[in-house]
């Protein structure tokens, strides 16, 4: 997996999925507030998502393996294999 090179579009798609998930979580936790809904960007489906692991953002694949995110948003080393 760490031989794989992510395109800019795939990186943006992964990040958009993460922020949509964070937005939905915030809305659930603050259901008493009226929060305007912004339109969601259309994203390509990706087999990667972003999770918080050891207080940092990491990529997680469909098998729940967790990888570091490099400085240039590429897949880094495997940090937790399931």
PDB file of N, CA and C in Angstrom:
ATOM      1  N   UNK A   1       0.834  -1.199   0.000  1.00  0.00           N
ATOM      2  CA  UNK A   1       0.000   0.000   0.000  1.00  0.00           C
ATOM      3  C   UNK A   1       0.869   1.250   0.000  1.00  0.00           C
ATOM      4  N   UNK A   2       1.994   1.264   0.708  1.00  0.00           N
ATOM      5  CA  UNK A   2       2.797   2.485   0.751  1.00  0.00           C
ATOM      6  C   UNK A   2       3.580   2.713  -0.539  1.00  0.00           C
ATOM      7  N   UNK A   3       3.447   1.832  -1.537  1.00  0.00           N
ATOM      8  CA  UNK A   3       4.006   2.069  -2.863  1.00  0.00           C
ATOM      9  C   UNK A   3       3.028   2.892  -3.700  1.00  0.00           C
ATOM     10  N   UNK A   4       1.797   2.981  -3.250  1.00  0.00           N
ATOM     11  CA  UNK A   4       0.747   3.652  -3.994  1.00  0.00           C
ATOM     12  C   UNK A   4       0.919   5.161  -3.916  1.00  0.00           C
ATOM     13  N   UNK A   5       0.712   5.835  -5.038  1.00  0.00           N
ATOM     14  CA  UNK A   5       0.802   7.295  -5.089  1.00  0.00           C
ATOM     15  C   UNK A   5      -0.601   7.857  -5.277  1.00  0.00           C
ATOM     16  N   UNK A   6      -1.041   8.711  -4.386  1.00  0.00           N
ATOM     17  CA  UNK A   6      -2.382   9.290  -4.442  1.00  0.00           C
ATOM     18  C   UNK A   6      -2.398  10.513  -5.348  1.00  0.00           C
ATOM     19  N   UNK A   7      -3.427  10.607  -6.172  1.00  0.00           N
ATOM     20  CA  UNK A   7      -3.592  11.795  -7.009  1.00  0.00           C
ATOM     21  C   UNK A   7      -4.152  12.935  -6.157  1.00  0.00           C
ATOM     22  N   UNK A   8      -4.024  14.134  -6.663  1.00  0.00           N
ATOM     23  CA  UNK A   8      -4.551  15.297  -5.946  1.00  0.00           C
ATOM     24  C   UNK A   8      -6.057  15.154  -5.741  1.00  0.00           C
ATOM     25  N   UNK A   9      -6.761  14.654  -6.767  1.00  0.00           N
ATOM     26  CA  UNK A   9      -8.210  14.468  -6.650  1.00  0.00           C
ATOM     27  C   UNK A   9      -8.566  13.464  -5.570  1.00  0.00           C
ATOM     28  N   UNK A  10      -7.797  12.382  -5.466  1.00  0.00           N
ATOM     29  CA  UNK A  10      -8.098  11.379  -4.443  1.00  0.00           C
ATOM     30  C   UNK A  10      -7.813  11.925  -3.042  1.00  0.00           C
ATOM     31  N   UNK A  11      -6.741  12.685  -2.896  1.00  0.00           N
ATOM     32  CA  UNK A  11      -6.438  13.308  -1.600  1.00  0.00           C
ATOM     33  C   UNK A  11      -7.581  14.247  -1.204  1.00  0.00           C
ATOM     34  N   UNK A  12      -8.046  15.054  -2.155  1.00  0.00           N
ATOM     35  CA  UNK A  12      -9.153  15.978  -1.872  1.00  0.00           C
ATOM     36  C   UNK A  12     -10.415  15.206  -1.503  1.00  0.00           C
ATOM     37  N   UNK A  13     -10.676  14.110  -2.198  1.00  0.00           N
ATOM     38  CA  UNK A  13     -11.853  13.299  -1.904  1.00  0.00           C
ATOM     39  C   UNK A  13     -11.786  12.724  -0.496  1.00  0.00           C
ATOM     40  N   UNK A  14     -10.633  12.204  -0.111  1.00  0.00           N
ATOM     41  CA  UNK A  14     -10.454  11.625   1.225  1.00  0.00           C
ATOM     42  C   UNK A  14     -10.649  12.700   2.287  1.00  0.00           C
ATOM     43  N   UNK A  15     -10.057  13.858   2.079  1.00  0.00           N
ATOM     44  CA  UNK A  15     -10.196  14.958   3.046  1.00  0.00           C
ATOM     45  C   UNK A  15     -11.642  15.448   3.122  1.00  0.00           C
ATOM     46  N   UNK A  16     -12.326  15.528   1.984  1.00  0.00           N
ATOM     47  CA  UNK A  16     -13.726  15.957   1.991  1.00  0.00           C
ATOM     48  C   UNK A  16     -14.594  14.991   2.778  1.00  0.00           C
ATOM     49  N   UNK A  17     -14.363  13.680   2.603  1.00  0.00           N
ATOM     50  CA  UNK A  17     -15.130  12.692   3.377  1.00  0.00           C
ATOM     51  C   UNK A  17     -14.912  12.897   4.869  1.00  0.00           C
ATOM     52  N   UNK A  18     -13.673  13.173   5.264  1.00  0.00           N
ATOM     53  CA  UNK A  18     -13.352  13.386   6.680  1.00  0.00           C
ATOM     54  C   UNK A  18     -14.104  14.605   7.219  1.00  0.00           C
ATOM     55  N   UNK A  19     -14.069  15.712   6.486  1.00  0.00           N
ATOM     56  CA  UNK A  19     -14.703  16.932   6.978  1.00  0.00           C
ATOM     57  C   UNK A  19     -16.218  16.815   6.977  1.00  0.00           C
ATOM     58  N   UNK A  20     -16.792  16.081   6.038  1.00  0.00           N
ATOM     59  CA  UNK A  20     -18.236  15.850   6.042  1.00  0.00           C
ATOM     60  C   UNK A  20     -18.624  15.053   7.284  1.00  0.00           C
ATOM     61  N   UNK A  21     -17.810  14.040   7.614  1.00  0.00           N
ATOM     62  CA  UNK A  21     -18.076  13.228   8.804  1.00  0.00           C
ATOM     63  C   UNK A  21     -17.972  14.090  10.067  1.00  0.00           C
ATOM     64  N   UNK A  22     -16.960  14.973  10.133  1.00  0.00           N
ATOM     65  CA  UNK A  22     -16.799  15.856  11.285  1.00  0.00           C
ATOM     66  C   UNK A  22     -17.963  16.834  11.381  1.00  0.00           C
ATOM     67  N   UNK A  23     -18.416  17.356  10.248  1.00  0.00           N
ATOM     68  CA  UNK A  23     -19.544  18.277  10.215  1.00  0.00           C
ATOM     69  C   UNK A  23     -20.808  17.593  10.730  1.00  0.00           C
ATOM     70  N   UNK A  24     -21.071  16.383  10.258  1.00  0.00           N
ATOM     71  CA  UNK A  24     -22.256  15.649  10.711  1.00  0.00           C
ATOM     72  C   UNK A  24     -22.194  15.356  12.209  1.00  0.00           C
ATOM     73  N   UNK A  25     -21.027  15.011  12.701  1.00  0.00           N
ATOM     74  CA  UNK A  25     -20.855  14.754  14.133  1.00  0.00           C
ATOM     75  C   UNK A  25     -21.138  16.022  14.941  1.00  0.00           C
ATOM     76  N   UNK A  26     -20.621  17.157  14.488  1.00  0.00           N
ATOM     77  CA  UNK A  26     -20.863  18.426  15.172  1.00  0.00           C
ATOM     78  C   UNK A  26     -22.357  18.748  15.188  1.00  0.00           C
ATOM     79  N   UNK A  27     -23.015  18.544  14.056  1.00  0.00           N
ATOM     80  CA  UNK A  27     -24.459  18.813  13.972  1.00  0.00           C
ATOM     81  C   UNK A  27     -25.250  17.930  14.929  1.00  0.00           C
ATOM     82  N   UNK A  28     -24.838  16.662  15.065  1.00  0.00           N
ATOM     83  CA  UNK A  28     -25.514  15.759  16.007  1.00  0.00           C
ATOM     84  C   UNK A  28     -25.310  16.220  17.446  1.00  0.00           C
ATOM     85  N   UNK A  29     -24.107  16.660  17.767  1.00  0.00           N
ATOM     86  CA  UNK A  29     -23.795  17.074  19.130  1.00  0.00           C
ATOM     87  C   UNK A  29     -24.397  18.435  19.474  1.00  0.00           C
ATOM     88  N   UNK A  30     -24.739  19.219  18.474  1.00  0.00           N
ATOM     89  CA  UNK A  30     -25.294  20.555  18.686  1.00  0.00           C
ATOM     90  C   UNK A  30     -26.629  20.683  17.957  1.00  0.00           C
ATOM     91  N   UNK A  31     -27.485  19.710  18.162  1.00  0.00           N
ATOM     92  CA  UNK A  31     -28.765  19.675  17.443  1.00  0.00           C
ATOM     93  C   UNK A  31     -29.686  20.836  17.819  1.00  0.00           C
ATOM     94  N   UNK A  32     -29.412  21.487  18.941  1.00  0.00           N
ATOM     95  CA  UNK A  32     -30.243  22.607  19.365  1.00  0.00           C
ATOM     96  C   UNK A  32     -29.904  23.898  18.623  1.00  0.00           C
ATOM     97  N   UNK A  33     -28.776  23.914  17.889  1.00  0.00           N
ATOM     98  CA  UNK A  33     -28.379  25.111  17.157  1.00  0.00           C
ATOM     99  C   UNK A  33     -28.815  24.994  15.700  1.00  0.00           C
ATOM    100  N   UNK A  34     -29.142  26.134  15.122  1.00  0.00           N
ATOM    101  CA  UNK A  34     -29.454  26.140  13.695  1.00  0.00           C
ATOM    102  C   UNK A  34     -28.157  26.414  12.938  1.00  0.00           C
ATOM    103  N   UNK A  35     -27.716  25.434  12.196  1.00  0.00           N
ATOM    104  CA  UNK A  35     -26.457  25.532  11.468  1.00  0.00           C
ATOM    105  C   UNK A  35     -26.783  25.444   9.979  1.00  0.00           C
ATOM    106  N   UNK A  36     -26.421  26.455   9.205  1.00  0.00           N
ATOM    107  CA  UNK A  36     -26.724  26.396   7.770  1.00  0.00           C
ATOM    108  C   UNK A  36     -25.967  25.249   7.100  1.00  0.00           C
ATOM    109  N   UNK A  37     -26.635  24.579   6.193  1.00  0.00           N
ATOM    110  CA  UNK A  37     -26.036  23.449   5.495  1.00  0.00           C
ATOM    111  C   UNK A  37     -25.426  23.938   4.194  1.00  0.00           C
ATOM    112  N   UNK A  38     -24.157  23.603   3.984  1.00  0.00           N
ATOM    113  CA  UNK A  38     -23.514  23.944   2.726  1.00  0.00           C
ATOM    114  C   UNK A  38     -23.627  22.752   1.794  1.00  0.00           C
ATOM    115  N   UNK A  39     -23.595  23.025   0.522  1.00  0.00           N
ATOM    116  CA  UNK A  39     -23.671  21.925  -0.430  1.00  0.00           C
ATOM    117  C   UNK A  39     -22.408  21.071  -0.334  1.00  0.00           C
ATOM    118  N   UNK A  40     -22.598  19.776  -0.484  1.00  0.00           N
ATOM    119  CA  UNK A  40     -21.475  18.855  -0.391  1.00  0.00           C
ATOM    120  C   UNK A  40     -20.827  18.715  -1.757  1.00  0.00           C
ATOM    121  N   UNK A  41     -19.491  18.722  -1.786  1.00  0.00           N
ATOM    122  CA  UNK A  41     -18.820  18.524  -3.068  1.00  0.00           C
ATOM    123  C   UNK A  41     -19.008  17.080  -3.523  1.00  0.00           C
ATOM    124  N   UNK A  42     -19.048  16.880  -4.823  1.00  0.00           N
ATOM    125  CA  UNK A  42     -19.131  15.503  -5.306  1.00  0.00           C
ATOM    126  C   UNK A  42     -17.731  14.902  -5.244  1.00  0.00           C
ATOM    127  N   UNK A  43     -17.644  13.739  -4.648  1.00  0.00           N
ATOM    128  CA  UNK A  43     -16.353  13.085  -4.469  1.00  0.00           C
ATOM    129  C   UNK A  43     -16.335  11.740  -5.162  1.00  0.00           C
ATOM    130  N   UNK A  44     -15.149  11.385  -5.635  1.00  0.00           N
ATOM    131  CA  UNK A  44     -14.967  10.027  -6.108  1.00  0.00           C
ATOM    132  C   UNK A  44     -14.922   9.145  -4.866  1.00  0.00           C
ATOM    133  N   UNK A  45     -15.387   7.935  -5.000  1.00  0.00           N
ATOM    134  CA  UNK A  45     -15.265   7.008  -3.883  1.00  0.00           C
ATOM    135  C   UNK A  45     -13.812   6.592  -3.761  1.00  0.00           C
ATOM    136  N   UNK A  46     -13.333   6.514  -2.571  1.00  0.00           N
ATOM    137  CA  UNK A  46     -11.964   6.088  -2.315  1.00  0.00           C
ATOM    138  C   UNK A  46     -11.991   4.957  -1.306  1.00  0.00           C
ATOM    139  N   UNK A  47     -10.995   4.101  -1.392  1.00  0.00           N
ATOM    140  CA  UNK A  47     -10.894   3.008  -0.428  1.00  0.00           C
ATOM    141  C   UNK A  47     -10.187   3.456   0.844  1.00  0.00           C
ATOM    142  N   UNK A  48      -9.854   4.743   0.936  1.00  0.00           N
ATOM    143  CA  UNK A  48      -9.196   5.288   2.121  1.00  0.00           C
ATOM    144  C   UNK A  48     -10.075   6.349   2.769  1.00  0.00           C
ATOM    145  N   UNK A  49      -9.956   6.459   4.080  1.00  0.00           N
ATOM    146  CA  UNK A  49     -10.597   7.520   4.845  1.00  0.00           C
ATOM    147  C   UNK A  49      -9.576   8.049   5.830  1.00  0.00           C
ATOM    148  N   UNK A  50      -9.935   9.097   6.545  1.00  0.00           N
ATOM    149  CA  UNK A  50      -9.054   9.661   7.569  1.00  0.00           C
ATOM    150  C   UNK A  50      -9.645   9.358   8.935  1.00  0.00           C
ATOM    151  N   UNK A  51      -8.778   8.918   9.848  1.00  0.00           N
ATOM    152  CA  UNK A  51      -9.168   8.689  11.238  1.00  0.00           C
ATOM    153  C   UNK A  51      -8.145   9.372  12.130  1.00  0.00           C
ATOM    154  N   UNK A  52      -8.532   9.599  13.370  1.00  0.00           N
ATOM    155  CA  UNK A  52      -7.596  10.111  14.366  1.00  0.00           C
ATOM    156  C   UNK A  52      -7.035   8.900  15.107  1.00  0.00           C
ATOM    157  N   UNK A  53      -5.721   8.765  15.094  1.00  0.00           N
ATOM    158  CA  UNK A  53      -5.022   7.646  15.739  1.00  0.00           C
ATOM    159  C   UNK A  53      -3.822   8.244  16.451  1.00  0.00           C
ATOM    160  N   UNK A  54      -3.675   8.000  17.723  1.00  0.00           N
ATOM    161  CA  UNK A  54      -2.601   8.612  18.529  1.00  0.00           C
ATOM    162  C   UNK A  54      -2.596  10.133  18.383  1.00  0.00           C
ATOM    163  N   UNK A  55      -3.781  10.733  18.409  1.00  0.00           N
ATOM    164  CA  UNK A  55      -3.970  12.189  18.343  1.00  0.00           C
ATOM    165  C   UNK A  55      -3.484  12.829  17.043  1.00  0.00           C
ATOM    166  N   UNK A  56      -3.354  12.040  15.965  1.00  0.00           N
ATOM    167  CA  UNK A  56      -2.949  12.564  14.661  1.00  0.00           C
ATOM    168  C   UNK A  56      -3.860  11.984  13.590  1.00  0.00           C
ATOM    169  N   UNK A  57      -3.961  12.699  12.474  1.00  0.00           N
ATOM    170  CA  UNK A  57      -4.723  12.178  11.343  1.00  0.00           C
ATOM    171  C   UNK A  57      -3.921  11.083  10.646  1.00  0.00           C
ATOM    172  N   UNK A  58      -4.589   9.995  10.328  1.00  0.00           N
ATOM    173  CA  UNK A  58      -3.995   8.872   9.603  1.00  0.00           C
ATOM    174  C   UNK A  58      -4.989   8.395   8.554  1.00  0.00           C
ATOM    175  N   UNK A  59      -4.485   7.710   7.524  1.00  0.00           N
ATOM    176  CA  UNK A  59      -5.364   7.052   6.563  1.00  0.00           C
ATOM    177  C   UNK A  59      -5.744   5.687   7.112  1.00  0.00           C
ATOM    178  N   UNK A  60      -6.983   5.253   6.817  1.00  0.00           N
ATOM    179  CA  UNK A  60      -7.424   3.907   7.160  1.00  0.00           C
ATOM    180  C   UNK A  60      -8.022   3.305   5.888  1.00  0.00           C
ATOM    181  N   UNK A  61      -7.665   2.039   5.609  1.00  0.00           N
ATOM    182  CA  UNK A  61      -8.196   1.405   4.410  1.00  0.00           C
ATOM    183  C   UNK A  61      -9.416   0.557   4.756  1.00  0.00           C
ATOM    184  N   UNK A  62      -9.960  -0.121   3.767  1.00  0.00           N
ATOM    185  CA  UNK A  62     -11.180  -0.909   3.975  1.00  0.00           C
ATOM    186  C   UNK A  62     -10.962  -2.105   4.898  1.00  0.00           C
ATOM    187  N   UNK A  63      -9.714  -2.513   5.086  1.00  0.00           N
ATOM    188  CA  UNK A  63      -9.391  -3.616   5.999  1.00  0.00           C
ATOM    189  C   UNK A  63      -9.049  -3.113   7.399  1.00  0.00           C
ATOM    190  N   UNK A  64      -9.252  -1.821   7.644  1.00  0.00           N
ATOM    191  CA  UNK A  64      -8.954  -1.163   8.924  1.00  0.00           C
ATOM    192  C   UNK A  64      -7.467  -1.094   9.243  1.00  0.00           C
ATOM    193  N   UNK A  65      -6.601  -1.214   8.241  1.00  0.00           N
ATOM    194  CA  UNK A  65      -5.178  -0.971   8.433  1.00  0.00           C
ATOM    195  C   UNK A  65      -4.966   0.541   8.472  1.00  0.00           C
ATOM    196  N   UNK A  66      -4.088   0.997   9.349  1.00  0.00           N
ATOM    197  CA  UNK A  66      -3.892   2.431   9.549  1.00  0.00           C
ATOM    198  C   UNK A  66      -2.481   2.813   9.098  1.00  0.00           C
ATOM    199  N   UNK A  67      -2.398   3.899   8.325  1.00  0.00           N
ATOM    200  CA  UNK A  67      -1.142   4.368   7.752  1.00  0.00           C
ATOM    201  C   UNK A  67      -0.906   5.821   8.124  1.00  0.00           C
ATOM    202  N   UNK A  68       0.364   6.188   8.278  1.00  0.00           N
ATOM    203  CA  UNK A  68       0.717   7.586   8.483  1.00  0.00           C
ATOM    204  C   UNK A  68       0.362   8.376   7.229  1.00  0.00           C
ATOM    205  N   UNK A  69       0.136   9.680   7.397  1.00  0.00           N
ATOM    206  CA  UNK A  69      -0.037  10.586   6.268  1.00  0.00           C
ATOM    207  C   UNK A  69       1.257  11.394   6.178  1.00  0.00           C
ATOM    208  N   UNK A  70       1.926  11.329   5.037  1.00  0.00           N
ATOM    209  CA  UNK A  70       3.192  12.042   4.872  1.00  0.00           C
ATOM    210  C   UNK A  70       2.943  13.539   4.719  1.00  0.00           C
ATOM    211  N   UNK A  71       4.013  14.318   4.721  1.00  0.00           N
ATOM    212  CA  UNK A  71       3.905  15.773   4.581  1.00  0.00           C
ATOM    213  C   UNK A  71       3.219  16.173   3.284  1.00  0.00           C
ATOM    214  N   UNK A  72       3.376  15.346   2.238  1.00  0.00           N
ATOM    215  CA  UNK A  72       2.737  15.671   0.951  1.00  0.00           C
ATOM    216  C   UNK A  72       1.442  14.882   0.758  1.00  0.00           C
ATOM    217  N   UNK A  73       0.819  14.472   1.885  1.00  0.00           N
ATOM    218  CA  UNK A  73      -0.481  13.790   1.913  1.00  0.00           C
ATOM    219  C   UNK A  73      -0.494  12.419   1.253  1.00  0.00           C
ATOM    220  N   UNK A  74       0.668  11.806   1.108  1.00  0.00           N
ATOM    221  CA  UNK A  74       0.741  10.465   0.542  1.00  0.00           C
ATOM    222  C   UNK A  74       0.635   9.428   1.667  1.00  0.00           C
ATOM    223  N   UNK A  75       0.509   8.164   1.285  1.00  0.00           N
ATOM    224  CA  UNK A  75       0.413   7.082   2.259  1.00  0.00           C
ATOM    225  C   UNK A  75       1.803   6.811   2.819  1.00  0.00           C
ATOM    226  N   UNK A  76       1.922   6.912   4.136  1.00  0.00           N
ATOM    227  CA  UNK A  76       3.192   6.654   4.797  1.00  0.00           C
ATOM    228  C   UNK A  76       3.263   5.209   5.268  1.00  0.00           C
ATOM    229  N   UNK A  77       4.062   5.000   6.303  1.00  0.00           N
ATOM    230  CA  UNK A  77       4.252   3.624   6.770  1.00  0.00           C
ATOM    231  C   UNK A  77       3.032   3.109   7.505  1.00  0.00           C
ATOM    232  N   UNK A  78       2.876   1.814   7.473  1.00  0.00           N
ATOM    233  CA  UNK A  78       1.787   1.124   8.167  1.00  0.00           C
ATOM    234  C   UNK A  78       2.046   1.230   9.674  1.00  0.00           C
ATOM    235  N   UNK A  79       1.067   1.726  10.433  1.00  0.00           N
ATOM    236  CA  UNK A  79       1.255   1.870  11.882  1.00  0.00           C
ATOM    237  C   UNK A  79       0.398   0.902  12.679  1.00  0.00           C
ATOM    238  N   UNK A  80      -0.672   0.357  12.064  1.00  0.00           N
ATOM    239  CA  UNK A  80      -1.511  -0.616  12.764  1.00  0.00           C
ATOM    240  C   UNK A  80      -2.176  -1.510  11.731  1.00  0.00           C
ATOM    241  N   UNK A  81      -1.832  -2.793  11.750  1.00  0.00           N
ATOM    242  CA  UNK A  81      -2.389  -3.753  10.799  1.00  0.00           C
ATOM    243  C   UNK A  81      -3.443  -4.580  11.494  1.00  0.00           C
ATOM    244  N   UNK A  82      -4.610  -4.724  10.871  1.00  0.00           N
ATOM    245  CA  UNK A  82      -5.715  -5.514  11.435  1.00  0.00           C
ATOM    246  C   UNK A  82      -5.766  -6.863  10.795  1.00  0.00           C
TER     247      UNK A  82
END
